């Protein structure tokens, strides 16, 4: 099981559809409301090739001037089984340009992760690797039915440091 070090940072991310684009539908807006630090809705666009069982998916460029991650795909699912299938399919379909590596501090990749504040309560699955030499992390947030994948930065330790500091923070509860 993953033990994470460091404090948690929690930030609300308000976003809107990119200029000139149609507003996000309610499912897409739920993703925008849960985006991790460094991403905002105005840097996201809907995905046309989302996995089966998903209700919305966004590709987002990082727009906070960070060194890692550079971009990400964030997908919300109708149910846990569909999300877990998509996670396993992503892992199985990585081609020759992808090299799986252990996530820093995790005894294996894929593995389970948890919020730092609740170490006995699994929050989802995670795997790490490199794609064409660039670091890559994919994880699930089971409670929100989100599959998240981020890429880029100087190295996996930097990307994992961002994940540990921001993406692993318990989200602000979504409300209408």
N, C-alpha and C. Protein backbone atom coordinates (compact mmCIF):
# COMPACT_ATOMS: atom_id res chain seq x y z
N UNK A 1 0.84 -1.17 0.00
CA UNK A 1 0.00 0.00 0.00
C UNK A 1 0.88 1.24 0.00
N UNK A 2 0.46 2.27 -0.62
CA UNK A 2 1.21 3.50 -0.77
C UNK A 2 1.18 4.33 0.49
N UNK A 3 2.33 4.75 0.94
CA UNK A 3 2.42 5.69 2.05
C UNK A 3 2.91 6.99 1.45
N UNK A 4 2.18 8.05 1.64
CA UNK A 4 2.52 9.33 1.05
C UNK A 4 3.01 10.27 2.13
N UNK A 5 4.01 11.03 1.79
CA UNK A 5 4.59 11.97 2.73
C UNK A 5 4.22 13.38 2.32
N UNK A 6 4.27 14.29 3.26
CA UNK A 6 4.02 15.68 2.94
C UNK A 6 2.60 16.08 3.26
N UNK A 7 2.37 17.36 3.26
CA UNK A 7 1.05 17.90 3.57
C UNK A 7 0.14 17.85 2.38
N UNK A 8 -1.09 18.08 2.63
CA UNK A 8 -2.09 18.12 1.57
C UNK A 8 -2.38 19.56 1.21
N UNK A 9 -2.57 19.80 -0.05
CA UNK A 9 -3.00 21.10 -0.51
C UNK A 9 -4.35 20.92 -1.17
N UNK A 10 -5.26 21.80 -0.89
CA UNK A 10 -6.59 21.69 -1.46
C UNK A 10 -6.94 23.03 -2.07
N UNK A 11 -7.24 23.03 -3.34
CA UNK A 11 -7.57 24.26 -4.02
C UNK A 11 -8.81 24.03 -4.87
N UNK A 12 -9.68 24.99 -4.89
CA UNK A 12 -10.86 24.91 -5.75
C UNK A 12 -10.44 25.38 -7.13
N UNK A 13 -10.91 24.72 -8.15
CA UNK A 13 -10.57 25.07 -9.52
C UNK A 13 -11.85 25.43 -10.24
N UNK A 14 -11.96 26.68 -10.55
CA UNK A 14 -13.12 27.15 -11.28
C UNK A 14 -12.72 27.22 -12.73
N UNK A 15 -13.55 26.68 -13.59
CA UNK A 15 -13.20 26.68 -14.99
C UNK A 15 -14.42 26.84 -15.85
N UNK A 16 -14.15 27.24 -17.04
CA UNK A 16 -15.21 27.39 -18.02
C UNK A 16 -14.71 26.77 -19.31
N UNK A 17 -15.62 26.60 -20.24
CA UNK A 17 -15.24 26.08 -21.54
C UNK A 17 -14.28 27.06 -22.20
N UNK A 18 -13.39 26.57 -23.08
CA UNK A 18 -12.50 27.46 -23.80
C UNK A 18 -13.28 28.52 -24.57
N UNK A 19 -12.66 29.68 -24.77
CA UNK A 19 -13.31 30.78 -25.48
C UNK A 19 -13.81 30.29 -26.83
N UNK A 20 -15.03 30.64 -27.17
CA UNK A 20 -15.61 30.26 -28.44
C UNK A 20 -16.20 28.86 -28.46
N UNK A 21 -16.01 28.10 -27.41
CA UNK A 21 -16.53 26.73 -27.36
C UNK A 21 -17.88 26.72 -26.67
N UNK A 22 -18.63 25.65 -26.92
CA UNK A 22 -19.90 25.48 -26.22
C UNK A 22 -19.60 25.24 -24.74
N UNK A 23 -20.48 25.66 -23.85
CA UNK A 23 -20.24 25.41 -22.43
C UNK A 23 -20.16 23.91 -22.15
N UNK A 24 -19.49 23.57 -21.08
CA UNK A 24 -19.39 22.16 -20.70
C UNK A 24 -20.76 21.64 -20.30
N UNK A 25 -21.03 20.37 -20.64
CA UNK A 25 -22.26 19.75 -20.15
C UNK A 25 -22.08 19.44 -18.66
N UNK A 26 -23.14 19.07 -17.95
CA UNK A 26 -23.01 18.86 -16.49
C UNK A 26 -21.96 17.81 -16.10
N UNK A 27 -21.84 16.73 -16.86
CA UNK A 27 -20.84 15.71 -16.54
C UNK A 27 -19.43 16.24 -16.73
N UNK A 28 -19.21 16.99 -17.82
CA UNK A 28 -17.90 17.60 -18.05
C UNK A 28 -17.58 18.62 -16.96
N UNK A 29 -18.59 19.38 -16.55
CA UNK A 29 -18.37 20.38 -15.50
C UNK A 29 -17.97 19.71 -14.19
N UNK A 30 -18.49 18.52 -13.90
CA UNK A 30 -18.07 17.80 -12.69
C UNK A 30 -16.58 17.47 -12.76
N UNK A 31 -16.08 17.13 -13.94
CA UNK A 31 -14.64 16.90 -14.09
C UNK A 31 -13.88 18.20 -13.84
N UNK A 32 -14.33 19.28 -14.47
CA UNK A 32 -13.66 20.57 -14.29
C UNK A 32 -13.60 20.93 -12.81
N UNK A 33 -14.69 20.69 -12.10
CA UNK A 33 -14.73 21.04 -10.67
C UNK A 33 -13.77 20.20 -9.83
N UNK A 34 -13.35 19.04 -10.35
CA UNK A 34 -12.45 18.14 -9.61
C UNK A 34 -11.02 18.14 -10.16
N UNK A 35 -10.70 19.03 -11.11
CA UNK A 35 -9.36 19.03 -11.69
C UNK A 35 -8.30 19.29 -10.63
N UNK A 36 -7.17 18.57 -10.72
CA UNK A 36 -6.09 18.82 -9.77
C UNK A 36 -5.36 20.12 -10.07
N UNK A 37 -4.58 20.59 -9.12
CA UNK A 37 -3.82 21.83 -9.22
C UNK A 37 -3.02 21.86 -10.52
N UNK A 38 -3.05 23.01 -11.18
CA UNK A 38 -2.32 23.19 -12.42
C UNK A 38 -3.18 23.09 -13.65
N UNK A 39 -4.40 22.64 -13.48
CA UNK A 39 -5.32 22.48 -14.61
C UNK A 39 -6.57 23.31 -14.35
N UNK A 40 -7.13 23.88 -15.40
CA UNK A 40 -8.37 24.64 -15.30
C UNK A 40 -9.21 24.38 -16.54
N UNK A 41 -10.50 24.57 -16.40
CA UNK A 41 -11.42 24.28 -17.49
C UNK A 41 -11.13 25.02 -18.77
N UNK A 42 -10.60 26.24 -18.67
CA UNK A 42 -10.35 27.01 -19.88
C UNK A 42 -9.21 26.44 -20.72
N UNK A 43 -8.52 25.42 -20.22
CA UNK A 43 -7.46 24.75 -20.98
C UNK A 43 -7.87 23.32 -21.36
N UNK A 44 -9.18 23.03 -21.29
CA UNK A 44 -9.68 21.68 -21.55
C UNK A 44 -10.63 21.65 -22.74
N UNK A 45 -10.67 20.49 -23.38
CA UNK A 45 -11.65 20.29 -24.45
C UNK A 45 -12.20 18.87 -24.35
N UNK A 46 -13.46 18.67 -24.73
CA UNK A 46 -14.06 17.34 -24.68
C UNK A 46 -13.33 16.35 -25.60
N UNK A 47 -13.33 15.10 -25.19
CA UNK A 47 -12.67 14.01 -25.92
C UNK A 47 -13.73 13.26 -26.72
N UNK A 48 -13.42 12.94 -27.96
CA UNK A 48 -14.38 12.21 -28.79
C UNK A 48 -14.21 10.69 -28.70
N UNK A 49 -13.04 10.22 -28.27
CA UNK A 49 -12.78 8.78 -28.22
C UNK A 49 -12.71 8.25 -26.78
N UNK A 50 -13.65 8.68 -25.97
CA UNK A 50 -13.68 8.27 -24.56
C UNK A 50 -13.98 6.78 -24.44
N UNK A 51 -13.49 6.14 -23.38
CA UNK A 51 -13.69 4.69 -23.22
C UNK A 51 -15.14 4.33 -22.92
N UNK A 52 -15.52 3.08 -23.21
CA UNK A 52 -16.88 2.61 -22.91
C UNK A 52 -17.20 2.78 -21.42
N UNK A 53 -18.44 3.18 -21.15
CA UNK A 53 -18.88 3.36 -19.77
C UNK A 53 -18.60 4.74 -19.21
N UNK A 54 -17.88 5.58 -19.97
CA UNK A 54 -17.59 6.93 -19.48
C UNK A 54 -18.78 7.84 -19.78
N UNK A 55 -18.96 8.84 -18.94
CA UNK A 55 -20.02 9.82 -19.17
C UNK A 55 -19.46 11.14 -19.68
N UNK A 56 -18.15 11.36 -19.49
CA UNK A 56 -17.50 12.56 -19.98
C UNK A 56 -15.99 12.37 -19.89
N UNK A 57 -15.28 13.02 -20.81
CA UNK A 57 -13.82 12.96 -20.80
C UNK A 57 -13.27 14.25 -21.37
N UNK A 58 -12.22 14.78 -20.73
CA UNK A 58 -11.60 16.03 -21.16
C UNK A 58 -10.11 15.84 -21.33
N UNK A 59 -9.55 16.41 -22.39
CA UNK A 59 -8.10 16.56 -22.53
C UNK A 59 -7.77 17.99 -22.12
N UNK A 60 -6.78 18.12 -21.24
CA UNK A 60 -6.45 19.44 -20.70
C UNK A 60 -4.96 19.71 -20.82
N UNK A 61 -4.63 20.93 -21.20
CA UNK A 61 -3.26 21.40 -21.12
C UNK A 61 -3.08 22.02 -19.75
N UNK A 62 -1.90 21.87 -19.19
CA UNK A 62 -1.58 22.50 -17.92
C UNK A 62 -1.41 23.98 -18.20
N UNK A 63 -1.94 24.82 -17.35
CA UNK A 63 -1.86 26.25 -17.63
C UNK A 63 -1.40 27.07 -16.44
N UNK A 64 -0.69 26.44 -15.51
CA UNK A 64 -0.24 27.17 -14.32
C UNK A 64 1.26 27.44 -14.34
N UNK A 65 1.92 27.16 -15.46
CA UNK A 65 3.35 27.41 -15.55
C UNK A 65 4.20 26.43 -14.76
N UNK A 66 3.68 25.25 -14.48
CA UNK A 66 4.42 24.24 -13.72
C UNK A 66 5.38 23.48 -14.64
N UNK A 67 6.41 22.87 -14.04
CA UNK A 67 7.33 22.03 -14.82
C UNK A 67 6.72 20.65 -15.07
N UNK A 68 5.78 20.23 -14.25
CA UNK A 68 5.13 18.92 -14.41
C UNK A 68 3.76 19.01 -13.76
N UNK A 69 2.77 18.40 -14.30
CA UNK A 69 2.66 17.75 -15.60
C UNK A 69 2.41 18.77 -16.70
N UNK A 70 2.54 18.32 -17.93
CA UNK A 70 2.32 19.21 -19.06
C UNK A 70 0.90 19.11 -19.61
N UNK A 71 0.29 17.93 -19.50
CA UNK A 71 -1.08 17.76 -19.98
C UNK A 71 -1.69 16.54 -19.32
N UNK A 72 -3.00 16.39 -19.51
CA UNK A 72 -3.67 15.26 -18.90
C UNK A 72 -5.00 14.96 -19.55
N UNK A 73 -5.48 13.75 -19.29
CA UNK A 73 -6.82 13.34 -19.69
C UNK A 73 -7.56 12.94 -18.43
N UNK A 74 -8.78 13.44 -18.29
CA UNK A 74 -9.58 13.23 -17.10
C UNK A 74 -10.95 12.72 -17.54
N UNK A 75 -11.32 11.52 -17.05
CA UNK A 75 -12.52 10.85 -17.52
C UNK A 75 -13.39 10.45 -16.34
N UNK A 76 -14.67 10.74 -16.44
CA UNK A 76 -15.65 10.38 -15.41
C UNK A 76 -16.50 9.23 -15.94
N UNK A 77 -16.81 8.29 -15.04
CA UNK A 77 -17.53 7.08 -15.43
C UNK A 77 -18.88 6.98 -14.75
N UNK A 78 -19.73 6.16 -15.34
CA UNK A 78 -21.07 5.93 -14.79
C UNK A 78 -21.01 4.99 -13.59
N UNK A 79 -20.01 4.10 -13.57
CA UNK A 79 -19.94 3.12 -12.48
C UNK A 79 -18.49 2.67 -12.28
N UNK A 80 -18.25 2.08 -11.13
CA UNK A 80 -16.91 1.65 -10.74
C UNK A 80 -16.37 0.55 -11.65
N UNK A 81 -17.21 -0.40 -12.06
CA UNK A 81 -16.75 -1.48 -12.93
C UNK A 81 -16.23 -0.94 -14.27
N UNK A 82 -16.95 0.00 -14.87
CA UNK A 82 -16.50 0.59 -16.14
C UNK A 82 -15.18 1.31 -15.97
N UNK A 83 -15.04 2.05 -14.88
CA UNK A 83 -13.79 2.77 -14.62
C UNK A 83 -12.63 1.79 -14.44
N UNK A 84 -12.84 0.74 -13.65
CA UNK A 84 -11.77 -0.23 -13.42
C UNK A 84 -11.39 -0.97 -14.70
N UNK A 85 -12.38 -1.27 -15.55
CA UNK A 85 -12.09 -1.90 -16.85
C UNK A 85 -11.23 -0.97 -17.71
N UNK A 86 -11.59 0.32 -17.73
CA UNK A 86 -10.82 1.28 -18.53
C UNK A 86 -9.38 1.39 -18.00
N UNK A 87 -9.21 1.40 -16.69
CA UNK A 87 -7.87 1.44 -16.09
C UNK A 87 -7.06 0.22 -16.53
N UNK A 88 -7.65 -0.97 -16.41
CA UNK A 88 -6.96 -2.20 -16.80
C UNK A 88 -6.69 -2.24 -18.31
N UNK A 89 -7.64 -1.78 -19.12
CA UNK A 89 -7.44 -1.73 -20.57
C UNK A 89 -6.31 -0.78 -20.94
N UNK A 90 -6.25 0.38 -20.27
CA UNK A 90 -5.15 1.32 -20.52
C UNK A 90 -3.82 0.67 -20.21
N UNK A 91 -3.75 0.00 -19.09
CA UNK A 91 -2.52 -0.66 -18.67
C UNK A 91 -2.11 -1.74 -19.68
N UNK A 92 -3.08 -2.54 -20.13
CA UNK A 92 -2.80 -3.64 -21.04
C UNK A 92 -2.48 -3.18 -22.46
N UNK A 93 -2.98 -2.01 -22.85
CA UNK A 93 -2.83 -1.58 -24.24
C UNK A 93 -1.62 -0.67 -24.47
N UNK A 94 -0.84 -0.42 -23.46
CA UNK A 94 0.35 0.42 -23.65
C UNK A 94 1.30 -0.29 -24.60
N UNK A 95 1.77 0.42 -25.58
CA UNK A 95 2.61 -0.19 -26.61
C UNK A 95 4.09 -0.18 -26.26
N UNK A 96 4.90 -0.42 -27.29
CA UNK A 96 6.35 -0.52 -27.11
C UNK A 96 6.97 0.80 -26.66
N UNK A 97 6.30 1.92 -26.90
CA UNK A 97 6.83 3.22 -26.48
C UNK A 97 6.61 3.49 -25.00
N UNK A 98 5.92 2.57 -24.31
CA UNK A 98 5.61 2.75 -22.90
C UNK A 98 6.43 1.77 -22.07
N UNK A 99 7.06 2.27 -21.00
CA UNK A 99 7.82 1.42 -20.09
C UNK A 99 7.26 1.59 -18.68
N UNK A 100 6.61 0.55 -18.12
CA UNK A 100 6.11 0.66 -16.75
C UNK A 100 7.28 0.68 -15.76
N UNK A 101 7.16 1.51 -14.75
CA UNK A 101 8.16 1.58 -13.68
C UNK A 101 7.42 1.73 -12.36
N UNK A 102 8.02 1.32 -11.26
CA UNK A 102 7.35 1.50 -9.96
C UNK A 102 7.14 2.99 -9.67
N UNK A 103 5.99 3.31 -9.13
CA UNK A 103 5.76 4.67 -8.65
C UNK A 103 6.66 4.87 -7.43
N UNK A 104 7.29 6.03 -7.27
CA UNK A 104 8.14 6.26 -6.10
C UNK A 104 7.39 5.98 -4.80
N UNK A 105 7.96 5.15 -3.96
CA UNK A 105 7.34 4.84 -2.67
C UNK A 105 6.25 3.79 -2.72
N UNK A 106 5.99 3.21 -3.89
CA UNK A 106 4.94 2.21 -4.04
C UNK A 106 5.60 0.87 -4.34
N UNK A 107 5.15 -0.18 -3.69
CA UNK A 107 5.71 -1.51 -3.91
C UNK A 107 5.08 -2.17 -5.11
N UNK A 108 5.26 -1.60 -6.27
CA UNK A 108 4.71 -2.17 -7.49
C UNK A 108 3.87 -1.18 -8.24
N UNK A 109 3.80 -1.40 -9.52
CA UNK A 109 2.97 -0.56 -10.37
C UNK A 109 2.35 -1.50 -11.40
N UNK A 110 1.04 -1.69 -11.40
CA UNK A 110 0.05 -0.90 -10.66
C UNK A 110 0.00 -1.28 -9.18
N UNK A 111 -0.59 -0.37 -8.43
CA UNK A 111 -0.78 -0.59 -7.00
C UNK A 111 -1.96 0.21 -6.50
N UNK A 112 -2.23 0.11 -5.23
CA UNK A 112 -3.30 0.92 -4.61
C UNK A 112 -2.67 2.16 -4.00
N UNK A 113 -3.46 3.21 -3.91
CA UNK A 113 -3.02 4.42 -3.22
C UNK A 113 -4.11 4.83 -2.25
N UNK A 114 -3.78 5.74 -1.35
CA UNK A 114 -4.73 6.25 -0.36
C UNK A 114 -4.42 7.71 -0.11
N UNK A 115 -5.42 8.42 0.40
CA UNK A 115 -5.18 9.80 0.83
C UNK A 115 -4.29 9.76 2.06
N UNK A 116 -3.37 10.68 2.15
CA UNK A 116 -2.44 10.73 3.27
C UNK A 116 -3.17 10.72 4.60
N UNK A 117 -4.29 11.41 4.67
CA UNK A 117 -5.04 11.52 5.93
C UNK A 117 -5.78 10.24 6.31
N UNK A 118 -5.91 9.30 5.38
CA UNK A 118 -6.62 8.05 5.68
C UNK A 118 -5.85 6.86 5.11
N UNK A 119 -4.72 6.50 5.76
CA UNK A 119 -3.84 5.47 5.21
C UNK A 119 -4.42 4.07 5.16
N UNK A 120 -5.48 3.79 5.89
CA UNK A 120 -6.07 2.45 5.88
C UNK A 120 -7.25 2.32 4.92
N UNK A 121 -7.51 3.37 4.17
CA UNK A 121 -8.68 3.41 3.29
C UNK A 121 -8.22 3.60 1.83
N UNK A 122 -8.19 2.53 1.03
CA UNK A 122 -7.77 2.69 -0.37
C UNK A 122 -8.67 3.69 -1.10
N UNK A 123 -8.04 4.56 -1.89
CA UNK A 123 -8.78 5.57 -2.64
C UNK A 123 -8.84 5.25 -4.13
N UNK A 124 -8.00 4.32 -4.57
CA UNK A 124 -7.99 3.96 -5.97
C UNK A 124 -6.75 3.18 -6.35
N UNK A 125 -6.53 3.09 -7.65
CA UNK A 125 -5.38 2.39 -8.21
C UNK A 125 -4.45 3.40 -8.87
N UNK A 126 -3.19 3.02 -9.02
CA UNK A 126 -2.21 3.91 -9.66
C UNK A 126 -1.19 3.07 -10.41
N UNK A 127 -0.73 3.60 -11.55
CA UNK A 127 0.46 3.03 -12.18
C UNK A 127 1.29 4.15 -12.79
N UNK A 128 2.58 3.89 -12.86
CA UNK A 128 3.54 4.88 -13.34
C UNK A 128 4.36 4.27 -14.47
N UNK A 129 4.91 5.12 -15.30
CA UNK A 129 5.77 4.67 -16.36
C UNK A 129 6.33 5.84 -17.14
N UNK A 130 6.94 5.52 -18.26
CA UNK A 130 7.40 6.56 -19.18
C UNK A 130 6.83 6.24 -20.56
N UNK A 131 6.42 7.27 -21.27
CA UNK A 131 5.94 7.13 -22.63
C UNK A 131 6.85 7.96 -23.51
N UNK A 132 7.54 7.31 -24.45
CA UNK A 132 8.52 7.96 -25.31
C UNK A 132 9.49 8.79 -24.47
N UNK A 133 9.88 8.25 -23.32
CA UNK A 133 10.85 8.88 -22.44
C UNK A 133 10.29 9.90 -21.46
N UNK A 134 9.03 10.27 -21.60
CA UNK A 134 8.42 11.26 -20.70
C UNK A 134 7.66 10.56 -19.58
N UNK A 135 7.70 11.09 -18.35
CA UNK A 135 6.98 10.46 -17.24
C UNK A 135 5.47 10.48 -17.44
N UNK A 136 4.81 9.47 -16.88
CA UNK A 136 3.37 9.29 -17.05
C UNK A 136 2.81 8.64 -15.78
N UNK A 137 1.71 9.18 -15.27
CA UNK A 137 1.03 8.59 -14.12
C UNK A 137 -0.46 8.51 -14.44
N UNK A 138 -1.05 7.34 -14.18
CA UNK A 138 -2.49 7.16 -14.33
C UNK A 138 -3.02 6.62 -13.01
N UNK A 139 -4.15 7.17 -12.56
CA UNK A 139 -4.74 6.72 -11.30
C UNK A 139 -6.25 6.88 -11.33
N UNK A 140 -6.90 6.19 -10.42
CA UNK A 140 -8.34 6.32 -10.27
C UNK A 140 -8.64 7.00 -8.95
N UNK A 141 -9.74 7.71 -8.92
CA UNK A 141 -10.32 8.25 -7.69
C UNK A 141 -11.67 7.56 -7.59
N UNK A 142 -11.68 6.44 -6.87
CA UNK A 142 -12.86 5.58 -6.86
C UNK A 142 -14.11 6.29 -6.38
N UNK A 143 -14.01 7.13 -5.37
CA UNK A 143 -15.17 7.82 -4.83
C UNK A 143 -15.82 8.79 -5.80
N UNK A 144 -15.04 9.33 -6.74
CA UNK A 144 -15.56 10.29 -7.71
C UNK A 144 -15.76 9.65 -9.09
N UNK A 145 -15.43 8.36 -9.22
CA UNK A 145 -15.52 7.64 -10.50
C UNK A 145 -14.70 8.34 -11.58
N UNK A 146 -13.49 8.78 -11.20
CA UNK A 146 -12.60 9.48 -12.12
C UNK A 146 -11.37 8.63 -12.44
N UNK A 147 -11.02 8.62 -13.72
CA UNK A 147 -9.76 8.06 -14.20
C UNK A 147 -8.94 9.24 -14.69
N UNK A 148 -7.75 9.41 -14.14
CA UNK A 148 -6.92 10.56 -14.43
C UNK A 148 -5.58 10.10 -14.96
N UNK A 149 -5.07 10.78 -15.99
CA UNK A 149 -3.78 10.43 -16.58
C UNK A 149 -3.04 11.72 -16.89
N UNK A 150 -1.83 11.87 -16.34
CA UNK A 150 -1.03 13.08 -16.59
C UNK A 150 0.33 12.67 -17.13
N UNK A 151 0.93 13.57 -17.91
CA UNK A 151 2.20 13.29 -18.56
C UNK A 151 3.11 14.51 -18.50
N UNK A 152 4.39 14.22 -18.61
CA UNK A 152 5.37 15.27 -18.85
C UNK A 152 6.07 15.77 -17.61
N UNK A 153 7.11 16.52 -17.87
CA UNK A 153 7.94 17.05 -16.81
C UNK A 153 9.35 16.52 -16.93
N UNK A 154 10.24 16.99 -16.07
CA UNK A 154 11.64 16.59 -16.20
C UNK A 154 11.90 15.11 -15.92
N UNK A 155 11.15 14.51 -14.98
CA UNK A 155 11.37 13.10 -14.63
C UNK A 155 10.20 12.60 -13.80
N UNK A 156 10.17 11.28 -13.57
CA UNK A 156 9.06 10.68 -12.83
C UNK A 156 9.00 11.18 -11.39
N UNK A 157 10.15 11.39 -10.76
CA UNK A 157 10.13 11.89 -9.38
C UNK A 157 9.46 13.25 -9.29
N UNK A 158 9.70 14.13 -10.27
CA UNK A 158 9.05 15.45 -10.28
C UNK A 158 7.55 15.32 -10.48
N UNK A 159 7.16 14.47 -11.44
CA UNK A 159 5.73 14.29 -11.70
C UNK A 159 5.05 13.65 -10.49
N UNK A 160 5.69 12.66 -9.88
CA UNK A 160 5.11 12.02 -8.71
C UNK A 160 5.06 13.00 -7.53
N UNK A 161 6.04 13.88 -7.41
CA UNK A 161 6.01 14.91 -6.37
C UNK A 161 4.80 15.82 -6.54
N UNK A 162 4.49 16.20 -7.79
CA UNK A 162 3.28 17.00 -8.05
C UNK A 162 2.05 16.19 -7.63
N UNK A 163 1.99 14.92 -8.05
CA UNK A 163 0.84 14.08 -7.71
C UNK A 163 0.68 13.97 -6.20
N UNK A 164 1.76 13.73 -5.49
CA UNK A 164 1.71 13.57 -4.04
C UNK A 164 1.25 14.85 -3.36
N UNK A 165 1.64 15.99 -3.88
CA UNK A 165 1.31 17.27 -3.25
C UNK A 165 -0.06 17.81 -3.61
N UNK A 166 -0.57 17.47 -4.79
CA UNK A 166 -1.80 18.10 -5.26
C UNK A 166 -2.88 17.11 -5.69
N UNK A 167 -2.54 16.20 -6.55
CA UNK A 167 -3.56 15.32 -7.14
C UNK A 167 -4.09 14.32 -6.14
N UNK A 168 -3.36 14.07 -5.07
CA UNK A 168 -3.78 13.11 -4.06
C UNK A 168 -4.57 13.79 -2.95
N UNK A 169 -4.81 15.10 -3.07
CA UNK A 169 -5.62 15.81 -2.07
C UNK A 169 -7.08 15.42 -2.21
N UNK A 170 -7.74 15.24 -1.09
CA UNK A 170 -9.16 14.92 -1.11
C UNK A 170 -9.91 16.08 -1.77
N UNK A 171 -10.75 15.79 -2.78
CA UNK A 171 -11.40 16.87 -3.52
C UNK A 171 -12.47 17.57 -2.68
N UNK A 172 -12.73 18.80 -3.08
CA UNK A 172 -13.85 19.53 -2.50
C UNK A 172 -15.11 18.82 -2.96
N UNK A 173 -16.03 18.47 -2.06
CA UNK A 173 -17.23 17.73 -2.50
C UNK A 173 -17.99 18.49 -3.58
N UNK A 174 -18.40 17.76 -4.59
CA UNK A 174 -19.16 18.35 -5.68
C UNK A 174 -20.60 18.57 -5.23
N UNK A 175 -21.10 19.76 -5.41
CA UNK A 175 -22.50 20.05 -5.09
C UNK A 175 -23.09 20.90 -6.21
N UNK A 176 -24.38 20.79 -6.38
CA UNK A 176 -25.08 21.63 -7.36
C UNK A 176 -25.69 22.80 -6.64
